[in-house]
């Protein structure tokens, strides 16, 4: 009798742990650096997770080109906000040019938490099409003007591009734009 109860208990634990495991897997996401993050259901922890700055890169270009978020800085005297990202080529034949193949959309845009849309421009290394050095980070600066001083963060920043890896061309027409989610603005000169 004890043996059959033990077997039933083990079978129950295995079946419920499989359910719990599949439930946890559906509640996980990958951050920009590839680490898995468990998404909490509600409360302050959930707010903290959903307000972390995250870099989004299309899976088609990630094998040969990595992006990382650097900063989002606003100047309260001018109302300009600069978003800086870095691109690192994983081989020696990667070329990138932001502001190409945008279609009818603005090439660079940001949206705040209320849905206000801001169009931007490429300041540093933006429209230049050049081969990136392998394993060395190259900075790109995106600038937005007339941003209300005190705006807490951009909900999303998108940058259209054209990238070449050897003879293969990737653009925003067939890949997702480079994105930064939850870019908290650090205001200077307040």
N, C-alpha and C. Protein backbone atom coordinates (compact mmCIF):
# COMPACT_ATOMS: atom_id res chain seq x y z
N UNK A 1 0.83 -1.19 0.00
CA UNK A 1 0.00 0.00 0.00
C UNK A 1 0.87 1.25 0.00
N UNK A 2 1.92 1.28 0.85
CA UNK A 2 2.78 2.46 0.93
C UNK A 2 3.48 2.70 -0.40
N UNK A 3 3.88 1.61 -1.08
CA UNK A 3 4.59 1.74 -2.34
C UNK A 3 3.69 2.36 -3.41
N UNK A 4 2.41 1.98 -3.47
CA UNK A 4 1.49 2.53 -4.48
C UNK A 4 1.20 4.01 -4.19
N UNK A 5 1.11 4.38 -2.90
CA UNK A 5 0.90 5.79 -2.55
C UNK A 5 2.13 6.60 -2.97
N UNK A 6 3.33 6.04 -2.74
CA UNK A 6 4.56 6.72 -3.12
C UNK A 6 4.62 6.92 -4.63
N UNK A 7 4.26 5.89 -5.40
CA UNK A 7 4.27 5.97 -6.86
C UNK A 7 3.27 7.02 -7.33
N UNK A 8 2.08 7.04 -6.73
CA UNK A 8 1.07 8.04 -7.10
C UNK A 8 1.55 9.45 -6.77
N UNK A 9 2.22 9.60 -5.62
CA UNK A 9 2.74 10.91 -5.22
C UNK A 9 3.82 11.38 -6.20
N UNK A 10 4.72 10.49 -6.59
CA UNK A 10 5.76 10.84 -7.57
C UNK A 10 5.12 11.22 -8.90
N UNK A 11 4.14 10.44 -9.35
CA UNK A 11 3.46 10.74 -10.61
C UNK A 11 2.78 12.10 -10.54
N UNK A 12 2.16 12.42 -9.42
CA UNK A 12 1.50 13.72 -9.23
C UNK A 12 2.51 14.85 -9.28
N UNK A 13 3.64 14.68 -8.58
CA UNK A 13 4.66 15.73 -8.57
C UNK A 13 5.26 15.96 -9.95
N UNK A 14 5.50 14.89 -10.68
CA UNK A 14 6.05 15.01 -12.02
C UNK A 14 5.07 15.75 -12.93
N UNK A 15 3.80 15.38 -12.85
CA UNK A 15 2.81 16.02 -13.72
C UNK A 15 2.61 17.49 -13.35
N UNK A 16 2.61 17.82 -12.07
CA UNK A 16 2.43 19.23 -11.69
C UNK A 16 3.67 20.04 -11.93
N UNK A 17 4.86 19.44 -11.77
CA UNK A 17 6.08 20.21 -12.04
C UNK A 17 6.19 20.49 -13.53
N UNK A 18 5.74 19.58 -14.38
CA UNK A 18 5.73 19.84 -15.82
C UNK A 18 4.80 20.99 -16.14
N UNK A 19 3.65 21.05 -15.48
CA UNK A 19 2.70 22.14 -15.68
C UNK A 19 3.31 23.45 -15.20
N UNK A 20 3.93 23.41 -14.02
CA UNK A 20 4.54 24.64 -13.48
C UNK A 20 5.69 25.09 -14.38
N UNK A 21 6.46 24.13 -14.89
CA UNK A 21 7.58 24.50 -15.74
C UNK A 21 7.08 25.15 -17.03
N UNK A 22 6.08 24.56 -17.67
CA UNK A 22 5.59 25.16 -18.90
C UNK A 22 4.96 26.51 -18.62
N UNK A 23 4.37 26.68 -17.44
CA UNK A 23 3.80 27.96 -17.07
C UNK A 23 4.90 29.00 -16.92
N UNK A 24 6.04 28.62 -16.32
CA UNK A 24 7.15 29.55 -16.16
C UNK A 24 7.78 29.92 -17.49
N UNK A 25 7.89 28.96 -18.40
CA UNK A 25 8.50 29.23 -19.69
C UNK A 25 7.70 30.27 -20.45
N UNK A 26 6.38 30.20 -20.36
CA UNK A 26 5.57 31.18 -21.07
C UNK A 26 5.66 32.56 -20.44
N UNK A 27 6.22 32.65 -19.25
CA UNK A 27 6.34 33.94 -18.57
C UNK A 27 7.77 34.47 -18.63
N UNK A 28 8.59 33.97 -19.56
CA UNK A 28 9.97 34.43 -19.66
C UNK A 28 10.17 35.15 -20.99
N UNK A 29 11.13 36.05 -20.98
CA UNK A 29 11.52 36.77 -22.19
C UNK A 29 13.02 36.89 -22.21
N UNK A 30 13.59 37.17 -23.36
CA UNK A 30 15.03 37.37 -23.45
C UNK A 30 15.33 38.86 -23.55
N UNK A 31 16.30 39.30 -22.79
CA UNK A 31 16.72 40.69 -22.87
C UNK A 31 17.66 40.85 -24.05
N UNK A 32 18.12 42.09 -24.30
CA UNK A 32 18.98 42.36 -25.45
C UNK A 32 20.29 41.60 -25.37
N UNK A 33 20.77 41.30 -24.16
CA UNK A 33 22.04 40.59 -24.05
C UNK A 33 21.84 39.08 -24.05
N UNK A 34 20.62 38.60 -24.31
CA UNK A 34 20.36 37.18 -24.45
C UNK A 34 20.01 36.46 -23.17
N UNK A 35 20.05 37.15 -22.03
CA UNK A 35 19.70 36.50 -20.77
C UNK A 35 18.19 36.40 -20.63
N UNK A 36 17.74 35.28 -20.04
CA UNK A 36 16.31 35.13 -19.83
C UNK A 36 15.89 35.91 -18.59
N UNK A 37 14.74 36.57 -18.70
CA UNK A 37 14.20 37.37 -17.61
C UNK A 37 12.80 36.86 -17.33
N UNK A 38 12.51 36.53 -16.09
CA UNK A 38 11.17 36.10 -15.72
C UNK A 38 10.30 37.35 -15.57
N UNK A 39 9.17 37.34 -16.22
CA UNK A 39 8.27 38.50 -16.17
C UNK A 39 7.28 38.30 -15.02
N UNK A 40 7.32 39.17 -14.01
CA UNK A 40 6.39 39.03 -12.90
C UNK A 40 4.97 39.37 -13.32
N UNK A 41 3.99 38.90 -12.54
CA UNK A 41 2.60 39.09 -12.90
C UNK A 41 2.12 40.52 -12.66
N UNK A 42 2.46 41.11 -11.54
CA UNK A 42 1.97 42.46 -11.24
C UNK A 42 2.79 43.05 -10.10
N UNK A 43 2.53 44.31 -9.80
CA UNK A 43 3.18 44.95 -8.66
C UNK A 43 4.42 45.72 -9.02
N UNK A 44 5.18 46.14 -8.01
CA UNK A 44 6.36 46.97 -8.21
C UNK A 44 7.45 46.27 -8.99
N UNK A 45 7.62 44.96 -8.79
CA UNK A 45 8.64 44.24 -9.55
C UNK A 45 8.31 44.28 -11.03
N UNK A 46 7.04 44.12 -11.37
CA UNK A 46 6.63 44.16 -12.78
C UNK A 46 6.91 45.53 -13.36
N UNK A 47 6.61 46.59 -12.62
CA UNK A 47 6.88 47.95 -13.11
C UNK A 47 8.38 48.14 -13.34
N UNK A 48 9.21 47.60 -12.45
CA UNK A 48 10.66 47.75 -12.59
C UNK A 48 11.16 47.03 -13.84
N UNK A 49 10.66 45.80 -14.08
CA UNK A 49 11.09 45.04 -15.26
C UNK A 49 10.67 45.75 -16.54
N UNK A 50 9.42 46.24 -16.57
CA UNK A 50 8.92 46.85 -17.79
C UNK A 50 9.43 48.26 -18.01
N UNK A 51 10.22 48.81 -17.08
CA UNK A 51 10.78 50.14 -17.28
C UNK A 51 12.29 50.08 -17.52
N UNK A 52 12.87 48.89 -17.63
CA UNK A 52 14.30 48.76 -17.91
C UNK A 52 14.56 49.05 -19.38
N UNK A 53 15.63 49.80 -19.65
CA UNK A 53 15.99 50.10 -21.02
C UNK A 53 16.49 48.83 -21.71
N UNK A 54 15.94 48.57 -22.89
CA UNK A 54 16.26 47.35 -23.63
C UNK A 54 16.54 47.71 -25.09
N UNK A 55 17.56 47.11 -25.66
CA UNK A 55 17.90 47.29 -27.07
C UNK A 55 17.28 46.15 -27.86
N UNK A 56 16.56 46.46 -28.94
CA UNK A 56 15.93 45.43 -29.76
C UNK A 56 16.60 45.38 -31.13
N UNK A 57 17.03 44.19 -31.53
CA UNK A 57 17.73 43.99 -32.79
C UNK A 57 17.09 42.81 -33.51
N UNK A 58 16.83 42.96 -34.79
CA UNK A 58 16.23 41.89 -35.58
C UNK A 58 17.14 40.66 -35.60
N UNK A 59 16.56 39.50 -35.45
CA UNK A 59 17.32 38.25 -35.41
C UNK A 59 18.12 37.96 -36.67
N UNK A 60 17.73 38.55 -37.82
CA UNK A 60 18.45 38.31 -39.08
C UNK A 60 19.83 38.96 -39.07
N UNK A 61 19.97 40.09 -38.38
CA UNK A 61 21.26 40.78 -38.40
C UNK A 61 22.09 40.52 -37.14
N UNK A 62 21.47 39.98 -36.10
CA UNK A 62 22.18 39.75 -34.84
C UNK A 62 23.39 38.83 -34.97
N UNK A 63 23.39 37.81 -35.86
CA UNK A 63 24.57 36.93 -35.95
C UNK A 63 25.86 37.64 -36.39
N UNK A 64 25.75 38.75 -37.11
CA UNK A 64 26.97 39.42 -37.58
C UNK A 64 27.12 40.86 -37.09
N UNK A 65 26.12 41.38 -36.37
CA UNK A 65 26.18 42.77 -35.90
C UNK A 65 25.43 42.90 -34.59
N UNK A 66 26.12 43.35 -33.55
CA UNK A 66 25.51 43.52 -32.24
C UNK A 66 25.32 45.01 -31.94
N UNK A 67 24.23 45.33 -31.28
CA UNK A 67 23.97 46.70 -30.86
C UNK A 67 23.85 46.73 -29.34
N UNK A 68 24.24 47.85 -28.75
CA UNK A 68 24.04 48.05 -27.32
C UNK A 68 23.63 49.49 -27.07
N UNK A 69 22.82 49.67 -26.06
CA UNK A 69 22.35 50.99 -25.65
C UNK A 69 23.42 51.66 -24.80
N UNK A 70 23.65 52.97 -25.03
CA UNK A 70 24.64 53.71 -24.25
C UNK A 70 23.97 54.73 -23.34
N UNK A 71 23.18 55.65 -23.91
CA UNK A 71 22.59 56.70 -23.07
C UNK A 71 21.45 57.41 -23.79
N UNK A 72 20.71 58.18 -22.99
CA UNK A 72 19.65 59.06 -23.49
C UNK A 72 19.74 60.32 -22.64
N UNK A 73 20.28 61.40 -23.22
CA UNK A 73 20.58 62.62 -22.46
C UNK A 73 19.85 63.80 -23.08
N UNK A 74 19.17 64.58 -22.23
CA UNK A 74 18.46 65.76 -22.67
C UNK A 74 19.12 67.03 -22.17
N UNK A 75 19.06 68.09 -22.97
CA UNK A 75 19.59 69.40 -22.58
C UNK A 75 18.39 70.31 -22.34
N UNK A 76 18.17 70.70 -21.10
CA UNK A 76 16.99 71.49 -20.75
C UNK A 76 17.03 72.90 -21.34
N UNK A 77 18.20 73.41 -21.72
CA UNK A 77 18.30 74.74 -22.31
C UNK A 77 17.84 74.76 -23.77
N UNK A 78 18.06 73.66 -24.48
CA UNK A 78 17.72 73.61 -25.91
C UNK A 78 16.52 72.71 -26.22
N UNK A 79 16.14 71.83 -25.30
CA UNK A 79 15.06 70.88 -25.57
C UNK A 79 15.48 69.73 -26.47
N UNK A 80 16.80 69.55 -26.67
CA UNK A 80 17.30 68.45 -27.50
C UNK A 80 17.59 67.23 -26.64
N UNK A 81 17.27 66.06 -27.17
CA UNK A 81 17.57 64.80 -26.50
C UNK A 81 18.39 63.95 -27.46
N UNK A 82 19.53 63.44 -26.98
CA UNK A 82 20.40 62.58 -27.78
C UNK A 82 20.34 61.15 -27.25
N UNK A 83 20.04 60.22 -28.15
CA UNK A 83 20.04 58.80 -27.82
C UNK A 83 21.27 58.20 -28.49
N UNK A 84 22.13 57.54 -27.69
CA UNK A 84 23.37 56.98 -28.22
C UNK A 84 23.34 55.46 -28.11
N UNK A 85 23.69 54.80 -29.23
CA UNK A 85 23.82 53.34 -29.26
C UNK A 85 25.18 53.01 -29.86
N UNK A 86 25.63 51.79 -29.65
CA UNK A 86 26.87 51.32 -30.24
C UNK A 86 26.61 50.09 -31.08
N UNK A 87 27.31 50.01 -32.22
CA UNK A 87 27.24 48.84 -33.10
C UNK A 87 28.61 48.18 -33.14
N UNK A 88 28.62 46.86 -33.04
CA UNK A 88 29.87 46.11 -33.09
C UNK A 88 29.75 45.01 -34.14
N UNK A 89 30.60 45.08 -35.16
CA UNK A 89 30.60 44.08 -36.23
C UNK A 89 31.29 42.81 -35.75
N UNK A 90 30.73 41.68 -36.13
CA UNK A 90 31.30 40.39 -35.74
C UNK A 90 32.16 39.79 -36.84
N UNK A 91 32.20 40.44 -38.03
CA UNK A 91 33.12 40.03 -39.09
C UNK A 91 33.59 41.29 -39.82
N UNK A 92 34.48 41.15 -40.79
CA UNK A 92 35.10 42.32 -41.40
C UNK A 92 34.43 42.83 -42.67
N UNK A 93 33.20 42.41 -42.93
CA UNK A 93 32.53 42.86 -44.15
C UNK A 93 31.17 43.50 -43.87
N UNK A 94 31.00 44.07 -42.68
CA UNK A 94 29.72 44.66 -42.30
C UNK A 94 29.71 46.16 -42.59
N UNK A 95 28.73 46.61 -43.35
CA UNK A 95 28.53 48.03 -43.61
C UNK A 95 27.15 48.41 -43.12
N UNK A 96 27.02 49.62 -42.58
CA UNK A 96 25.73 50.08 -42.09
C UNK A 96 25.54 51.55 -42.45
N UNK A 97 24.31 51.90 -42.79
CA UNK A 97 23.93 53.29 -43.02
C UNK A 97 22.52 53.48 -42.47
N UNK A 98 22.39 54.33 -41.48
CA UNK A 98 21.06 54.65 -40.96
C UNK A 98 20.40 55.66 -41.88
N UNK A 99 19.08 55.68 -41.88
CA UNK A 99 18.35 56.65 -42.67
C UNK A 99 18.12 56.25 -44.11
N UNK A 100 18.28 54.96 -44.44
CA UNK A 100 18.03 54.46 -45.79
C UNK A 100 16.86 53.49 -45.76
N UNK A 101 16.17 53.42 -46.89
CA UNK A 101 15.05 52.47 -47.06
C UNK A 101 13.98 52.63 -45.99
N UNK A 102 13.57 53.86 -45.75
CA UNK A 102 12.56 54.11 -44.72
C UNK A 102 11.14 53.98 -45.26
N UNK A 103 10.99 53.92 -46.57
CA UNK A 103 9.64 53.89 -47.12
C UNK A 103 8.95 55.22 -46.87
N UNK A 104 7.69 55.18 -46.46
CA UNK A 104 6.94 56.41 -46.20
C UNK A 104 7.09 56.88 -44.75
N UNK A 105 7.72 56.09 -43.91
CA UNK A 105 7.87 56.45 -42.50
C UNK A 105 9.06 57.38 -42.29
N UNK A 106 9.05 58.16 -41.20
CA UNK A 106 10.27 58.89 -40.85
C UNK A 106 11.37 57.89 -40.53
N UNK A 107 12.61 58.24 -40.88
CA UNK A 107 13.72 57.30 -40.68
C UNK A 107 14.07 57.10 -39.21
N UNK A 108 13.80 58.11 -38.40
CA UNK A 108 14.10 58.03 -36.98
C UNK A 108 12.93 58.64 -36.23
N UNK A 109 12.37 57.88 -35.30
CA UNK A 109 11.22 58.38 -34.55
C UNK A 109 11.23 57.85 -33.13
N UNK A 110 10.62 58.62 -32.26
CA UNK A 110 10.48 58.23 -30.85
C UNK A 110 9.04 58.48 -30.44
N UNK A 111 8.57 57.68 -29.51
CA UNK A 111 7.22 57.81 -28.98
C UNK A 111 7.33 57.86 -27.47
N UNK A 112 6.59 58.80 -26.84
CA UNK A 112 6.59 58.83 -25.37
C UNK A 112 5.46 57.95 -24.85
N UNK A 113 5.32 57.88 -23.54
CA UNK A 113 4.32 56.99 -22.93
C UNK A 113 2.89 57.41 -23.24
N UNK A 114 2.68 58.67 -23.65
CA UNK A 114 1.33 59.15 -23.99
C UNK A 114 1.03 58.99 -25.47
N UNK A 115 1.99 58.49 -26.24
CA UNK A 115 1.78 58.29 -27.67
C UNK A 115 2.20 59.45 -28.54
N UNK A 116 2.82 60.47 -27.98
CA UNK A 116 3.31 61.60 -28.78
C UNK A 116 4.49 61.14 -29.62
N UNK A 117 4.49 61.51 -30.90
CA UNK A 117 5.52 61.08 -31.84
C UNK A 117 6.52 62.21 -32.07
N UNK A 118 7.81 61.89 -32.04
CA UNK A 118 8.88 62.85 -32.29
C UNK A 118 9.75 62.29 -33.42
N UNK A 119 10.02 63.14 -34.44
CA UNK A 119 10.93 62.75 -35.50
C UNK A 119 12.32 63.24 -35.15
N UNK A 120 13.33 62.44 -35.48
CA UNK A 120 14.69 62.80 -35.13
C UNK A 120 15.61 62.87 -36.32
N UNK A 121 16.89 63.11 -36.03
CA UNK A 121 17.92 63.15 -37.07
C UNK A 121 19.14 62.38 -36.58
N UNK A 122 19.98 61.98 -37.53
CA UNK A 122 21.18 61.23 -37.22
C UNK A 122 22.33 62.22 -37.13
N UNK A 123 22.96 62.31 -35.98
CA UNK A 123 24.00 63.30 -35.77
C UNK A 123 25.38 62.72 -36.02
N UNK A 124 25.74 61.68 -35.30
CA UNK A 124 27.08 61.12 -35.39
C UNK A 124 27.04 59.79 -36.13
N UNK A 125 27.78 59.68 -37.22
CA UNK A 125 27.89 58.47 -38.04
C UNK A 125 26.58 58.03 -38.68
N UNK A 126 25.61 58.90 -38.73
CA UNK A 126 24.28 58.50 -39.16
C UNK A 126 24.15 58.05 -40.59
N UNK A 127 24.23 58.98 -41.54
CA UNK A 127 23.96 58.64 -42.93
C UNK A 127 25.17 58.07 -43.65
N UNK A 128 26.32 58.10 -43.02
CA UNK A 128 27.53 57.60 -43.67
C UNK A 128 27.44 56.09 -43.83
N UNK A 129 27.71 55.64 -45.04
CA UNK A 129 27.78 54.20 -45.27
C UNK A 129 29.24 53.81 -45.20
N UNK A 130 29.58 53.03 -44.20
CA UNK A 130 30.99 52.66 -44.05
C UNK A 130 31.12 51.27 -43.47
N UNK A 131 32.26 50.65 -43.76
CA UNK A 131 32.56 49.34 -43.22
C UNK A 131 32.98 49.50 -41.76
N UNK A 132 32.40 48.69 -40.90
CA UNK A 132 32.72 48.77 -39.47
C UNK A 132 33.94 47.93 -39.15
N UNK A 133 34.76 48.41 -38.22
CA UNK A 133 35.90 47.58 -37.79
C UNK A 133 35.38 46.38 -36.99
N UNK A 134 36.02 45.25 -37.15
CA UNK A 134 35.57 44.04 -36.46
C UNK A 134 35.85 44.15 -34.96
N UNK A 135 34.88 43.76 -34.16
CA UNK A 135 34.97 43.71 -32.69
C UNK A 135 35.29 45.05 -32.03
N UNK A 136 35.01 46.16 -32.69
CA UNK A 136 35.20 47.48 -32.09
C UNK A 136 33.87 48.23 -32.15
N UNK A 137 33.44 48.77 -31.03
CA UNK A 137 32.17 49.47 -30.97
C UNK A 137 32.26 50.83 -31.66
N UNK A 138 31.26 51.11 -32.51
CA UNK A 138 31.14 52.41 -33.18
C UNK A 138 29.87 53.06 -32.68
N UNK A 139 29.97 54.31 -32.24
CA UNK A 139 28.82 55.01 -31.66
C UNK A 139 27.98 55.70 -32.73
N UNK A 140 26.68 55.64 -32.52
CA UNK A 140 25.71 56.35 -33.35
C UNK A 140 24.85 57.20 -32.42
N UNK A 141 24.67 58.47 -32.79
CA UNK A 141 23.89 59.38 -31.96
C UNK A 141 22.67 59.82 -32.76
N UNK A 142 21.50 59.65 -32.16
CA UNK A 142 20.23 60.07 -32.74
C UNK A 142 19.74 61.26 -31.93
N UNK A 143 19.33 62.33 -32.59
CA UNK A 143 18.95 63.54 -31.86
C UNK A 143 17.49 63.92 -32.15
N UNK A 144 16.82 64.32 -31.09
CA UNK A 144 15.43 64.77 -31.18
C UNK A 144 15.34 66.19 -30.63
N UNK A 145 14.60 67.06 -31.32
CA UNK A 145 14.47 68.45 -30.90
C UNK A 145 13.06 68.72 -30.38
N UNK A 146 12.94 69.82 -29.66
CA UNK A 146 11.66 70.30 -29.11
C UNK A 146 10.97 69.24 -28.24
N UNK A 147 11.77 68.62 -27.41
CA UNK A 147 11.23 67.64 -26.46
C UNK A 147 10.85 68.39 -25.19
N UNK A 148 9.66 68.17 -24.66
CA UNK A 148 9.26 68.88 -23.44
C UNK A 148 10.22 68.56 -22.29
N UNK A 149 10.79 69.62 -21.70
CA UNK A 149 11.73 69.44 -20.59
C UNK A 149 10.99 68.75 -19.45
N UNK A 150 11.61 67.75 -18.91
CA UNK A 150 10.99 67.00 -17.83
C UNK A 150 10.31 65.73 -18.29
N UNK A 151 10.23 65.51 -19.62
CA UNK A 151 9.69 64.23 -20.11
C UNK A 151 10.53 63.12 -19.51
N UNK A 152 9.89 62.16 -18.89
CA UNK A 152 10.58 61.12 -18.14
C UNK A 152 11.39 60.17 -19.01
N UNK A 153 10.79 59.68 -20.11
CA UNK A 153 11.44 58.68 -20.95
C UNK A 153 10.74 58.58 -22.28
N UNK A 154 11.47 58.04 -23.25
CA UNK A 154 10.86 57.63 -24.52
C UNK A 154 10.38 56.20 -24.31
N UNK A 155 9.16 55.93 -24.69
CA UNK A 155 8.64 54.57 -24.60
C UNK A 155 9.35 53.69 -25.64
N UNK A 156 9.59 54.27 -26.82
CA UNK A 156 10.24 53.50 -27.87
C UNK A 156 10.96 54.45 -28.82
N UNK A 157 12.15 54.05 -29.27
CA UNK A 157 12.91 54.77 -30.30
C UNK A 157 13.20 53.78 -31.41
N UNK A 158 12.89 54.15 -32.67
CA UNK A 158 13.13 53.26 -33.82
C UNK A 158 14.03 53.97 -34.82
N UNK A 159 15.00 53.26 -35.35
CA UNK A 159 15.90 53.80 -36.37
C UNK A 159 15.93 52.86 -37.57
N UNK A 160 15.58 53.40 -38.75
CA UNK A 160 15.61 52.63 -39.99
C UNK A 160 17.04 52.58 -40.52
N UNK A 161 17.38 51.56 -41.30
CA UNK A 161 18.76 51.35 -41.71
C UNK A 161 18.86 50.53 -42.97
N UNK A 162 20.09 50.46 -43.49
CA UNK A 162 20.48 49.47 -44.49
C UNK A 162 21.81 48.90 -44.03
N UNK A 163 21.88 47.58 -43.96
CA UNK A 163 23.09 46.90 -43.49
C UNK A 163 23.51 45.90 -44.56
N UNK A 164 24.81 45.84 -44.81
CA UNK A 164 25.34 44.84 -45.73
C UNK A 164 26.31 43.94 -44.97
N UNK A 165 26.18 42.66 -45.23
CA UNK A 165 27.12 41.67 -44.70
C UNK A 165 27.68 40.94 -45.91
N UNK A 166 28.80 41.43 -46.41
CA UNK A 166 29.32 40.90 -47.67
C UNK A 166 28.41 41.40 -48.77
N UNK A 167 27.85 40.48 -49.56
CA UNK A 167 26.97 40.86 -50.65
C UNK A 167 25.49 40.85 -50.26
N UNK A 168 25.17 40.37 -49.07
CA UNK A 168 23.79 40.31 -48.62
C UNK A 168 23.38 41.64 -48.01
N UNK A 169 22.24 42.17 -48.44
CA UNK A 169 21.76 43.47 -47.95
C UNK A 169 20.52 43.24 -47.09
N UNK A 170 20.52 43.86 -45.93
CA UNK A 170 19.38 43.83 -45.02
C UNK A 170 18.92 45.27 -44.84
N UNK A 171 17.63 45.50 -44.88
CA UNK A 171 17.13 46.85 -44.65
C UNK A 171 15.88 46.80 -43.79
N UNK A 172 15.43 47.97 -43.38
CA UNK A 172 14.23 48.06 -42.55
C UNK A 172 12.99 47.63 -43.30
N UNK A 173 13.08 47.49 -44.64
CA UNK A 173 11.93 47.03 -45.40
C UNK A 173 11.68 45.54 -45.19
N UNK A 174 12.75 44.76 -44.91
CA UNK A 174 12.54 43.33 -44.69
C UNK A 174 12.97 42.87 -43.30
N UNK A 175 13.48 43.78 -42.48
CA UNK A 175 13.83 43.48 -41.09
C UNK A 175 13.21 44.55 -40.19
N UNK A 176 13.12 44.26 -38.92
CA UNK A 176 12.61 45.26 -37.98
C UNK A 176 13.66 46.34 -37.79
N UNK A 177 13.22 47.60 -37.58
CA UNK A 177 14.19 48.66 -37.29
C UNK A 177 14.94 48.37 -35.99
N UNK A 178 16.09 49.02 -35.83
CA UNK A 178 16.79 48.97 -34.55
C UNK A 178 15.90 49.69 -33.55
N UNK A 179 15.75 49.17 -32.35
CA UNK A 179 14.86 49.80 -31.38
C UNK A 179 15.47 49.89 -29.99
N UNK A 180 15.07 50.94 -29.28
CA UNK A 180 15.40 51.09 -27.88
C UNK A 180 14.08 51.25 -27.14
N UNK A 181 13.82 50.38 -26.19
CA UNK A 181 12.59 50.49 -25.38
C UNK A 181 12.93 51.10 -24.03
N UNK A 182 12.03 51.96 -23.56
CA UNK A 182 12.13 52.57 -22.22
C UNK A 182 13.44 53.32 -22.00
N UNK A 183 13.77 54.23 -22.93
CA UNK A 183 14.98 55.03 -22.79
C UNK A 183 14.71 56.18 -21.82
N UNK A 184 15.23 56.05 -20.61
CA UNK A 184 15.04 57.08 -19.58
C UNK A 184 15.90 58.28 -19.92
N UNK A 185 15.28 59.46 -19.95
CA UNK A 185 16.00 60.69 -20.31
C UNK A 185 16.67 61.29 -19.07
N UNK A 186 17.98 61.48 -19.16
CA UNK A 186 18.73 62.16 -18.10
C UNK A 186 18.88 63.62 -18.52
N UNK A 187 18.15 64.50 -17.84
CA UNK A 187 18.18 65.91 -18.19
C UNK A 187 19.38 66.60 -17.55
N UNK A 188 20.09 67.40 -18.36
CA UNK A 188 21.23 68.21 -17.89
C UNK A 188 20.81 69.68 -17.90
N UNK A 189 21.55 70.52 -17.19
CA UNK A 189 21.33 71.97 -17.12
C UNK A 189 20.01 72.35 -16.46
N UNK A 190 19.51 71.53 -15.56
CA UNK A 190 18.26 71.87 -14.86
C UNK A 190 18.52 72.87 -13.76
